[in-house]
Amino acid sequence: MFDLTSANIVAGLIGLFFVVGGIGNWIAPPRVVADYERWGYPRNFHYLTAVLEFAAGALILNPGTRHFGAVLGALIMAAAVATLFRHKEFKHAIPAILALAGCVIVFALLDPMPFS
């Protein structure tokens, strides 16, 4: 059965955010491709982003690997925020900032690291 703790709910939402983001980057409608081009990333870089987002989402959704997923997700979102700030697209950075905060919250709500 599902354990509906606050940590699991937040993790589920953030994990789904990354899965949906991965789908959007994999499909890459013309607007997404144009964004990556405008930001100066190599052609097809959106596929790498998609794979990383899928990985972060899968890791976050699995309680045993949630710590690693939260760290990976935070790194992905930190890079997104840096890109958007560099290009002065501050309004577009809001979802990435919220997802970054979500990753930090997921990490903070978890029990101590399993290998510590």
N, C-alpha and C. Protein backbone atom coordinates (compact mmCIF):
# COMPACT_ATOMS: atom_id res chain seq x y z
N MET A 1 0.83 -1.18 0.00
CA MET A 1 0.00 0.00 0.00
C MET A 1 0.87 1.24 0.00
N PHE A 2 0.30 2.36 -0.33
CA PHE A 2 1.03 3.61 -0.39
C PHE A 2 1.16 4.23 0.99
N ASP A 3 2.35 4.75 1.28
CA ASP A 3 2.62 5.44 2.54
C ASP A 3 2.50 6.94 2.28
N LEU A 4 1.38 7.52 2.66
CA LEU A 4 1.10 8.92 2.33
C LEU A 4 1.67 9.88 3.37
N THR A 5 2.98 9.83 3.55
CA THR A 5 3.64 10.80 4.41
C THR A 5 3.94 12.04 3.58
N SER A 6 4.24 13.13 4.25
CA SER A 6 4.55 14.37 3.52
C SER A 6 5.77 14.17 2.62
N ALA A 7 6.75 13.42 3.09
CA ALA A 7 7.94 13.17 2.27
C ALA A 7 7.58 12.42 0.99
N ASN A 8 6.72 11.41 1.10
CA ASN A 8 6.32 10.64 -0.08
C ASN A 8 5.46 11.44 -1.04
N ILE A 9 4.61 12.29 -0.51
CA ILE A 9 3.77 13.12 -1.37
C ILE A 9 4.62 14.12 -2.15
N VAL A 10 5.50 14.82 -1.44
CA VAL A 10 6.38 15.78 -2.12
C VAL A 10 7.27 15.06 -3.13
N ALA A 11 7.83 13.92 -2.73
CA ALA A 11 8.69 13.15 -3.64
C ALA A 11 7.91 12.71 -4.88
N GLY A 12 6.67 12.27 -4.68
CA GLY A 12 5.85 11.86 -5.83
C GLY A 12 5.61 13.01 -6.79
N LEU A 13 5.31 14.17 -6.26
CA LEU A 13 5.06 15.34 -7.11
C LEU A 13 6.33 15.77 -7.86
N ILE A 14 7.44 15.81 -7.15
CA ILE A 14 8.70 16.21 -7.78
C ILE A 14 9.14 15.15 -8.79
N GLY A 15 8.99 13.89 -8.42
CA GLY A 15 9.35 12.82 -9.36
C GLY A 15 8.54 12.91 -10.64
N LEU A 16 7.24 13.15 -10.51
CA LEU A 16 6.39 13.30 -11.70
C LEU A 16 6.76 14.54 -12.50
N PHE A 17 7.14 15.62 -11.82
CA PHE A 17 7.60 16.82 -12.51
C PHE A 17 8.76 16.48 -13.45
N PHE A 18 9.72 15.69 -12.94
CA PHE A 18 10.87 15.34 -13.77
C PHE A 18 10.49 14.39 -14.91
N VAL A 19 9.59 13.47 -14.66
CA VAL A 19 9.14 12.56 -15.73
C VAL A 19 8.45 13.36 -16.83
N VAL A 20 7.56 14.26 -16.45
CA VAL A 20 6.86 15.09 -17.44
C VAL A 20 7.85 15.99 -18.17
N GLY A 21 8.80 16.56 -17.43
CA GLY A 21 9.83 17.38 -18.07
C GLY A 21 10.66 16.57 -19.05
N GLY A 22 10.98 15.34 -18.67
CA GLY A 22 11.73 14.46 -19.57
C GLY A 22 10.97 14.16 -20.84
N ILE A 23 9.66 13.94 -20.71
CA ILE A 23 8.83 13.69 -21.90
C ILE A 23 8.85 14.93 -22.80
N GLY A 24 8.68 16.11 -22.19
CA GLY A 24 8.69 17.34 -22.98
C GLY A 24 10.00 17.58 -23.70
N ASN A 25 11.11 17.26 -23.03
CA ASN A 25 12.41 17.44 -23.67
C ASN A 25 12.70 16.35 -24.70
N TRP A 26 12.16 15.15 -24.50
CA TRP A 26 12.38 14.08 -25.48
C TRP A 26 11.59 14.36 -26.75
N ILE A 27 10.32 14.73 -26.59
CA ILE A 27 9.48 15.04 -27.75
C ILE A 27 9.97 16.31 -28.42
N ALA A 28 10.35 17.29 -27.62
CA ALA A 28 10.94 18.56 -28.07
C ALA A 28 10.17 19.22 -29.20
N PRO A 29 9.02 19.82 -28.88
CA PRO A 29 8.34 20.61 -29.89
C PRO A 29 9.26 21.74 -30.37
N PRO A 30 8.95 22.34 -31.51
CA PRO A 30 9.83 23.37 -32.08
C PRO A 30 10.20 24.48 -31.09
N ARG A 31 9.30 24.84 -30.20
CA ARG A 31 9.59 25.89 -29.22
C ARG A 31 10.74 25.46 -28.30
N VAL A 32 10.74 24.20 -27.89
CA VAL A 32 11.80 23.69 -27.01
C VAL A 32 13.13 23.67 -27.74
N VAL A 33 13.13 23.21 -28.98
CA VAL A 33 14.36 23.18 -29.78
C VAL A 33 14.89 24.61 -29.96
N ALA A 34 14.01 25.55 -30.21
CA ALA A 34 14.41 26.96 -30.37
C ALA A 34 14.99 27.51 -29.07
N ASP A 35 14.42 27.12 -27.94
CA ASP A 35 14.96 27.57 -26.65
C ASP A 35 16.39 27.10 -26.47
N TYR A 36 16.65 25.82 -26.69
CA TYR A 36 18.00 25.28 -26.53
C TYR A 36 18.97 25.95 -27.50
N GLU A 37 18.52 26.21 -28.70
CA GLU A 37 19.38 26.89 -29.68
C GLU A 37 19.70 28.32 -29.20
N ARG A 38 18.68 29.03 -28.72
CA ARG A 38 18.87 30.40 -28.24
C ARG A 38 19.84 30.44 -27.06
N TRP A 39 19.80 29.41 -26.22
CA TRP A 39 20.67 29.36 -25.05
C TRP A 39 22.09 28.92 -25.39
N GLY A 40 22.31 28.52 -26.64
CA GLY A 40 23.65 28.16 -27.09
C GLY A 40 24.05 26.71 -26.83
N TYR A 41 23.09 25.85 -26.55
CA TYR A 41 23.40 24.44 -26.34
C TYR A 41 23.52 23.73 -27.68
N PRO A 42 24.30 22.64 -27.71
CA PRO A 42 24.46 21.89 -28.96
C PRO A 42 23.13 21.29 -29.43
N ARG A 43 23.06 21.06 -30.72
CA ARG A 43 21.89 20.41 -31.30
C ARG A 43 21.66 19.07 -30.59
N ASN A 44 20.42 18.76 -30.34
CA ASN A 44 20.00 17.51 -29.68
C ASN A 44 20.36 17.44 -28.19
N PHE A 45 20.81 18.54 -27.60
CA PHE A 45 21.11 18.56 -26.18
C PHE A 45 19.87 18.26 -25.34
N HIS A 46 18.72 18.55 -25.91
CA HIS A 46 17.47 18.30 -25.20
C HIS A 46 17.29 16.82 -24.89
N TYR A 47 17.90 15.93 -25.70
CA TYR A 47 17.81 14.50 -25.42
C TYR A 47 18.59 14.15 -24.14
N LEU A 48 19.76 14.74 -23.98
CA LEU A 48 20.54 14.53 -22.77
C LEU A 48 19.76 15.02 -21.55
N THR A 49 19.17 16.20 -21.69
CA THR A 49 18.36 16.74 -20.61
C THR A 49 17.21 15.79 -20.28
N ALA A 50 16.57 15.27 -21.30
CA ALA A 50 15.45 14.34 -21.09
C ALA A 50 15.89 13.10 -20.33
N VAL A 51 17.00 12.52 -20.73
CA VAL A 51 17.49 11.31 -20.07
C VAL A 51 17.82 11.60 -18.61
N LEU A 52 18.46 12.74 -18.34
CA LEU A 52 18.77 13.10 -16.96
C LEU A 52 17.51 13.33 -16.14
N GLU A 53 16.51 13.96 -16.75
CA GLU A 53 15.25 14.18 -16.05
C GLU A 53 14.51 12.87 -15.78
N PHE A 54 14.51 11.97 -16.76
CA PHE A 54 13.90 10.65 -16.54
C PHE A 54 14.61 9.93 -15.38
N ALA A 55 15.94 10.00 -15.38
CA ALA A 55 16.71 9.34 -14.32
C ALA A 55 16.39 9.95 -12.96
N ALA A 56 16.36 11.27 -12.88
CA ALA A 56 16.05 11.94 -11.61
C ALA A 56 14.65 11.55 -11.15
N GLY A 57 13.69 11.57 -12.06
CA GLY A 57 12.32 11.20 -11.70
C GLY A 57 12.24 9.78 -11.19
N ALA A 58 12.87 8.85 -11.89
CA ALA A 58 12.83 7.44 -11.47
C ALA A 58 13.50 7.25 -10.12
N LEU A 59 14.64 7.90 -9.92
CA LEU A 59 15.34 7.78 -8.64
C LEU A 59 14.53 8.37 -7.49
N ILE A 60 13.89 9.51 -7.74
CA ILE A 60 13.08 10.15 -6.70
C ILE A 60 11.85 9.31 -6.37
N LEU A 61 11.25 8.70 -7.35
CA LEU A 61 10.04 7.91 -7.12
C LEU A 61 10.32 6.60 -6.38
N ASN A 62 11.57 6.15 -6.40
CA ASN A 62 11.95 4.93 -5.69
C ASN A 62 12.50 5.33 -4.31
N PRO A 63 11.83 4.95 -3.23
CA PRO A 63 12.30 5.35 -1.90
C PRO A 63 13.75 4.97 -1.59
N GLY A 64 14.22 3.88 -2.15
CA GLY A 64 15.59 3.43 -1.89
C GLY A 64 16.66 4.28 -2.55
N THR A 65 16.29 5.01 -3.59
CA THR A 65 17.27 5.83 -4.31
C THR A 65 16.90 7.32 -4.29
N ARG A 66 15.96 7.66 -3.46
CA ARG A 66 15.42 9.02 -3.41
C ARG A 66 16.48 10.07 -3.13
N HIS A 67 17.44 9.76 -2.24
CA HIS A 67 18.51 10.72 -1.94
C HIS A 67 19.26 11.09 -3.22
N PHE A 68 19.62 10.08 -3.99
CA PHE A 68 20.40 10.33 -5.21
C PHE A 68 19.57 11.09 -6.24
N GLY A 69 18.30 10.74 -6.35
CA GLY A 69 17.42 11.45 -7.28
C GLY A 69 17.24 12.90 -6.91
N ALA A 70 17.12 13.18 -5.61
CA ALA A 70 16.97 14.56 -5.17
C ALA A 70 18.21 15.38 -5.50
N VAL A 71 19.38 14.78 -5.33
CA VAL A 71 20.63 15.48 -5.66
C VAL A 71 20.73 15.69 -7.16
N LEU A 72 20.46 14.65 -7.95
CA LEU A 72 20.50 14.79 -9.40
C LEU A 72 19.50 15.83 -9.87
N GLY A 73 18.28 15.76 -9.36
CA GLY A 73 17.26 16.73 -9.74
C GLY A 73 17.67 18.15 -9.38
N ALA A 74 18.26 18.33 -8.21
CA ALA A 74 18.71 19.67 -7.80
C ALA A 74 19.80 20.19 -8.73
N LEU A 75 20.71 19.31 -9.14
CA LEU A 75 21.76 19.73 -10.07
C LEU A 75 21.18 20.13 -11.43
N ILE A 76 20.23 19.35 -11.91
CA ILE A 76 19.58 19.66 -13.19
C ILE A 76 18.89 21.01 -13.10
N MET A 77 18.14 21.23 -12.03
CA MET A 77 17.40 22.48 -11.89
C MET A 77 18.32 23.67 -11.63
N ALA A 78 19.43 23.44 -10.92
CA ALA A 78 20.41 24.53 -10.73
C ALA A 78 20.99 24.96 -12.07
N ALA A 79 21.27 23.99 -12.94
CA ALA A 79 21.77 24.32 -14.28
C ALA A 79 20.71 25.06 -15.08
N ALA A 80 19.45 24.65 -14.96
CA ALA A 80 18.37 25.33 -15.67
C ALA A 80 18.23 26.77 -15.18
N VAL A 81 18.26 26.95 -13.86
CA VAL A 81 18.15 28.30 -13.30
C VAL A 81 19.32 29.16 -13.77
N ALA A 82 20.53 28.62 -13.72
CA ALA A 82 21.70 29.38 -14.18
C ALA A 82 21.56 29.78 -15.64
N THR A 83 21.10 28.87 -16.48
CA THR A 83 20.90 29.18 -17.90
C THR A 83 19.88 30.30 -18.07
N LEU A 84 18.77 30.18 -17.39
CA LEU A 84 17.71 31.17 -17.53
C LEU A 84 18.11 32.52 -16.96
N PHE A 85 18.83 32.55 -15.85
CA PHE A 85 19.31 33.82 -15.31
C PHE A 85 20.34 34.45 -16.24
N ARG A 86 21.22 33.61 -16.80
CA ARG A 86 22.24 34.12 -17.73
C ARG A 86 21.60 34.82 -18.92
N HIS A 87 20.45 34.32 -19.33
CA HIS A 87 19.76 34.89 -20.49
C HIS A 87 18.63 35.83 -20.07
N LYS A 88 18.63 36.19 -18.79
CA LYS A 88 17.67 37.16 -18.25
C LYS A 88 16.21 36.75 -18.47
N GLU A 89 15.94 35.46 -18.41
CA GLU A 89 14.59 34.93 -18.55
C GLU A 89 14.08 34.56 -17.15
N PHE A 90 13.96 35.59 -16.32
CA PHE A 90 13.67 35.38 -14.90
C PHE A 90 12.31 34.75 -14.65
N LYS A 91 11.29 35.17 -15.39
CA LYS A 91 9.96 34.59 -15.19
C LYS A 91 9.95 33.10 -15.54
N HIS A 92 10.70 32.73 -16.58
CA HIS A 92 10.75 31.33 -16.97
C HIS A 92 11.52 30.48 -15.97
N ALA A 93 12.29 31.12 -15.10
CA ALA A 93 13.07 30.38 -14.11
C ALA A 93 12.23 29.94 -12.91
N ILE A 94 11.04 30.51 -12.76
CA ILE A 94 10.23 30.21 -11.58
C ILE A 94 9.94 28.72 -11.41
N PRO A 95 9.48 28.00 -12.45
CA PRO A 95 9.25 26.55 -12.26
C PRO A 95 10.53 25.79 -11.88
N ALA A 96 11.65 26.17 -12.47
CA ALA A 96 12.91 25.50 -12.14
C ALA A 96 13.32 25.78 -10.70
N ILE A 97 13.10 27.01 -10.23
CA ILE A 97 13.41 27.36 -8.84
C ILE A 97 12.52 26.55 -7.89
N LEU A 98 11.25 26.44 -8.23
CA LEU A 98 10.32 25.66 -7.39
C LEU A 98 10.71 24.18 -7.37
N ALA A 99 11.11 23.64 -8.52
CA ALA A 99 11.53 22.24 -8.57
C ALA A 99 12.83 22.04 -7.78
N LEU A 100 13.74 22.99 -7.88
CA LEU A 100 14.97 22.93 -7.09
C LEU A 100 14.64 22.92 -5.60
N ALA A 101 13.75 23.81 -5.19
CA ALA A 101 13.31 23.85 -3.80
C ALA A 101 12.65 22.53 -3.41
N GLY A 102 11.86 21.96 -4.31
CA GLY A 102 11.22 20.67 -4.04
C GLY A 102 12.24 19.57 -3.82
N CYS A 103 13.31 19.58 -4.60
CA CYS A 103 14.37 18.58 -4.43
C CYS A 103 15.04 18.73 -3.07
N VAL A 104 15.28 19.97 -2.67
CA VAL A 104 15.89 20.23 -1.36
C VAL A 104 14.95 19.75 -0.25
N ILE A 105 13.66 20.02 -0.40
CA ILE A 105 12.68 19.58 0.60
C ILE A 105 12.63 18.06 0.67
N VAL A 106 12.59 17.40 -0.49
CA VAL A 106 12.59 15.93 -0.51
C VAL A 106 13.81 15.41 0.24
N PHE A 107 14.97 15.96 -0.07
CA PHE A 107 16.20 15.51 0.57
C PHE A 107 16.14 15.74 2.08
N ALA A 108 15.65 16.91 2.48
CA ALA A 108 15.59 17.26 3.90
C ALA A 108 14.60 16.40 4.68
N LEU A 109 13.52 15.98 4.03
CA LEU A 109 12.50 15.18 4.72
C LEU A 109 12.87 13.72 4.87
N LEU A 110 13.90 13.29 4.18
CA LEU A 110 14.28 11.88 4.22
C LEU A 110 15.05 11.55 5.49
N ASP A 111 15.04 10.28 5.81
CA ASP A 111 15.87 9.79 6.91
C ASP A 111 17.32 10.02 6.52
N PRO A 112 18.24 9.91 7.49
CA PRO A 112 19.66 10.09 7.15
C PRO A 112 20.08 9.20 6.00
N MET A 113 21.10 9.63 5.32
CA MET A 113 21.61 8.88 4.17
C MET A 113 21.84 7.42 4.55
N PRO A 114 21.47 6.49 3.69
CA PRO A 114 21.60 5.08 4.01
C PRO A 114 23.05 4.62 4.20
N PHE A 115 24.01 5.33 3.64
CA PHE A 115 25.41 4.89 3.75
C PHE A 115 26.20 5.72 4.75
N SER A 116 25.50 6.54 5.55
CA SER A 116 26.24 7.36 6.52
C SER A 116 26.37 6.68 7.86
